[in-house]
Every structure is written in structure tokens, then in C-alpha cells.
C-alpha atoms as a PDB file:
ATOM      1  CA  MET A   1       0.000   0.000   0.000  1.00  0.00           C
ATOM      2  CA  SER A   2       1.438   3.314  -1.001  1.00  0.00           C
ATOM      3  CA  THR A   3      -0.901   6.097   0.073  1.00  0.00           C
ATOM      4  CA  VAL A   4      -1.214   7.416   3.604  1.00  0.00           C
ATOM      5  CA  ILE A   5      -5.017   7.415   3.294  1.00  0.00           C
ATOM      6  CA  ALA A   6      -5.124   3.704   2.451  1.00  0.00           C
ATOM      7  CA  GLN A   7      -2.696   2.866   5.262  1.00  0.00           C
ATOM      8  CA  THR A   8      -4.821   4.832   7.726  1.00  0.00           C
ATOM      9  CA  ILE A   9      -8.013   3.065   6.608  1.00  0.00           C
ATOM     10  CA  TRP A  10      -6.316  -0.354   6.911  1.00  0.00           C
ATOM     11  CA  GLN A  11      -5.125   0.516  10.437  1.00  0.00           C
ATOM     12  CA  GLN A  12      -8.626   1.638  11.473  1.00  0.00           C
ATOM     13  CA  ILE A  13      -9.993  -1.821  10.679  1.00  0.00           C
ATOM     14  CA  THR A  14      -9.375  -3.969  13.750  1.00  0.00           C
ATOM     15  CA  PRO A  15      -7.618  -7.352  13.553  1.00  0.00           C
ATOM     16  CA  GLN A  16     -10.850  -8.984  14.792  1.00  0.00           C
ATOM     17  CA  THR A  17     -12.838  -7.562  11.856  1.00  0.00           C
ATOM     18  CA  LYS A  18     -10.102  -8.534   9.405  1.00  0.00           C
ATOM     19  CA  MET A  19     -10.085 -12.090  10.759  1.00  0.00           C
ATOM     20  CA  ALA A  20     -13.899 -12.378  10.783  1.00  0.00           C
ATOM     21  CA  CYS A  21     -14.039 -11.316   7.123  1.00  0.00           C
ATOM     22  CA  ALA A  22     -10.808 -13.050   6.041  1.00  0.00           C
ATOM     23  CA  ALA A  23      -9.610  -9.646   4.800  1.00  0.00           C
ATOM     24  CA  ARG A  24      -6.420  -9.771   2.755  1.00  0.00           C
ATOM     25  CA  LEU A  25      -4.500  -8.321  -0.193  1.00  0.00           C
ATOM     26  CA  PRO A  26      -5.046  -4.602   0.476  1.00  0.00           C
ATOM     27  CA  VAL A  27      -4.521  -2.331  -2.527  1.00  0.00           C
ATOM     28  CA  SER A  28      -4.431   1.452  -2.400  1.00  0.00           C
ATOM     29  CA  ASP A  29      -5.624   4.106  -4.789  1.00  0.00           C
ATOM     30  CA  THR A  30      -5.660   7.885  -4.402  1.00  0.00           C
ATOM     31  CA  ASN A  31      -8.320   8.184  -1.685  1.00  0.00           C
ATOM     32  CA  LYS A  32      -9.447   4.594  -1.226  1.00  0.00           C
ATOM     33  CA  LEU A  33      -8.547   1.117  -0.079  1.00  0.00           C
ATOM     34  CA  ILE A  34      -9.686  -2.100  -1.755  1.00  0.00           C
ATOM     35  CA  PHE A  35      -9.212  -5.523  -0.185  1.00  0.00           C
ATOM     36  CA  ARG A  36     -10.449  -9.048  -0.741  1.00  0.00           C
ATOM     37  CA  VAL A  37     -12.786 -10.780   1.717  1.00  0.00           C
ATOM     38  CA  THR A  38     -14.242 -14.278   1.930  1.00  0.00           C
ATOM     39  CA  ILE A  39     -17.986 -14.516   2.423  1.00  0.00           C
ATOM     40  CA  ILE A  40     -18.613 -17.723   0.453  1.00  0.00           C
ATOM     41  CA  PRO A  41     -15.711 -20.084  -0.351  1.00  0.00           C
ATOM     42  CA  ARG A  42     -14.498 -19.923  -3.976  1.00  0.00           C
ATOM     43  CA  VAL A  43     -16.482 -16.707  -4.636  1.00  0.00           C
ATOM     44  CA  THR A  44     -14.636 -13.426  -5.059  1.00  0.00           C
ATOM     45  CA  HIS A  45     -15.800 -10.449  -3.025  1.00  0.00           C
ATOM     46  CA  LYS A  46     -13.959  -7.193  -2.460  1.00  0.00           C
ATOM     47  CA  ILE A  47     -14.562  -4.321  -0.085  1.00  0.00           C
ATOM     48  CA  GLU A  48     -13.873  -0.791  -1.290  1.00  0.00           C
ATOM     49  CA  VAL A  49     -13.511   1.947   1.344  1.00  0.00           C
ATOM     50  CA  VAL A  50     -13.432   5.497  -0.039  1.00  0.00           C
ATOM     51  CA  LEU A  51     -12.617   8.623   1.977  1.00  0.00           C
ATOM     52  CA  ASP A  52     -15.226  11.251   1.059  1.00  0.00           C
ATOM     53  CA  LEU A  53     -14.718  15.020   1.068  1.00  0.00           C
ATOM     54  CA  ASP A  54     -16.656  15.391   4.344  1.00  0.00           C
ATOM     55  CA  ASP A  55     -14.212  13.054   6.178  1.00  0.00           C
ATOM     56  CA  THR A  56     -16.637  10.138   6.197  1.00  0.00           C
ATOM     57  CA  TYR A  57     -16.323   6.855   4.335  1.00  0.00           C
ATOM     58  CA  THR A  58     -18.314   5.143   1.623  1.00  0.00           C
ATOM     59  CA  VAL A  59     -18.058   1.356   1.856  1.00  0.00           C
ATOM     60  CA  LYS A  60     -18.975  -0.896  -1.077  1.00  0.00           C
ATOM     61  CA  LEU A  61     -19.151  -4.681  -1.252  1.00  0.00           C
ATOM     62  CA  HIS A  62     -18.314  -5.936  -4.759  1.00  0.00           C
ATOM     63  CA  TYR A  63     -19.171  -9.371  -6.177  1.00  0.00           C
ATOM     64  CA  ILE A  64     -16.716 -10.286  -8.933  1.00  0.00           C
ATOM     65  CA  THR A  65     -16.960 -12.966 -11.614  1.00  0.00           C
ATOM     66  CA  GLN A  66     -14.919 -13.522 -14.760  1.00  0.00           C
ATOM     67  CA  THR A  67     -17.269 -11.346 -16.791  1.00  0.00           C
ATOM     68  CA  LYS A  68     -18.735  -8.761 -14.415  1.00  0.00           C
ATOM     69  CA  CYS A  69     -18.314  -6.728 -11.253  1.00  0.00           C
ATOM     70  CA  LYS A  70     -21.470  -5.910  -9.319  1.00  0.00           C
ATOM     71  CA  VAL A  71     -21.929  -3.724  -6.238  1.00  0.00           C
ATOM     72  CA  GLU A  72     -23.967  -5.877  -3.844  1.00  0.00           C
ATOM     73  CA  GLU A  73     -24.194  -3.347  -1.037  1.00  0.00           C
ATOM     74  CA  GLU A  74     -23.163   0.264  -0.442  1.00  0.00           C
ATOM     75  CA  LYS A  75     -23.208   2.464   2.664  1.00  0.00           C
ATOM     76  CA  SER A  76     -22.261   6.154   2.774  1.00  0.00           C
ATOM     77  CA  GLY A  77     -21.614   8.666   5.540  1.00  0.00           C
ATOM     78  CA  ILE A  78     -19.712   6.180   7.722  1.00  0.00           C
ATOM     79  CA  TYR A  79     -17.518   7.636  10.469  1.00  0.00           C
ATOM     80  CA  SER A  80     -14.265   5.899  11.429  1.00  0.00           C
ATOM     81  CA  GLY A  81     -15.790   4.642  14.693  1.00  0.00           C
ATOM     82  CA  ASN A  82     -18.456   2.723  12.761  1.00  0.00           C
ATOM     83  CA  LEU A  83     -16.202   1.382  10.006  1.00  0.00           C
ATOM     84  CA  ASN A  84     -15.601  -2.009  11.636  1.00  0.00           C
ATOM     85  CA  GLU A  85     -19.280  -2.610  12.318  1.00  0.00           C
ATOM     86  CA  VAL A  86     -20.290  -1.805   8.729  1.00  0.00           C
ATOM     87  CA  ILE A  87     -17.595  -4.023   7.189  1.00  0.00           C
ATOM     88  CA  TYR A  88     -18.370  -6.890   9.589  1.00  0.00           C
ATOM     89  CA  LYS A  89     -22.114  -6.734   8.820  1.00  0.00           C
ATOM     90  CA  MET A  90     -21.475  -6.690   5.059  1.00  0.00           C
ATOM     91  CA  CYS A  91     -19.376  -9.845   5.318  1.00  0.00           C
ATOM     92  CA  ASN A  92     -21.427 -11.713   7.906  1.00  0.00           C
ATOM     93  CA  LYS A  93     -25.103 -11.615   6.925  1.00  0.00           C
END
């Protein structure tokens, strides 16, 4: 991970949440962090956490196949204190 924003987001996600979601392979972009999670074995899901201009986060759960990428769930206006809860609930329905 190269950006400070992505490193900060990754650090704000607790080890317990990362373990519960099998979070791995974090990748950074300008103002966001994308990482892989396991919800269903052998199915690819990724979480995208974007820092918005109002210092809140938008969290998206992506379902990825060989031919498409679909946003399954999206939550906006998330403060850092609620980030773990939102990610955990997206991965553990």
C-alpha cells in the first residue's frame, strides 16, 4: 500500500474484523482502499472503502466474476468509529 489514506483506513480496521471477514490483499488508490474478503468459499468479493470530502467513508461490497463486477451493497456517511461494524455486517449476513 502506497498512500497514507489507504494505510490509515487499513489501520482503522481492527484485527478482529479482518479475521472475521478473512480480509487480505489490500490495494491502495488515491483516496481509497480495496481488499479481498471471503464470504462464500471460492467466490470473489472485495470491499472498497473510499474517503469522502466530508471526512466520512463510503463502503462498497463488490461481487466479482470472470465477466462482471457488481456492487452488492453500499453504505455512505460512515464515520471511522463505525467502520468495523459496517464491514463486519457486510461480510457476515
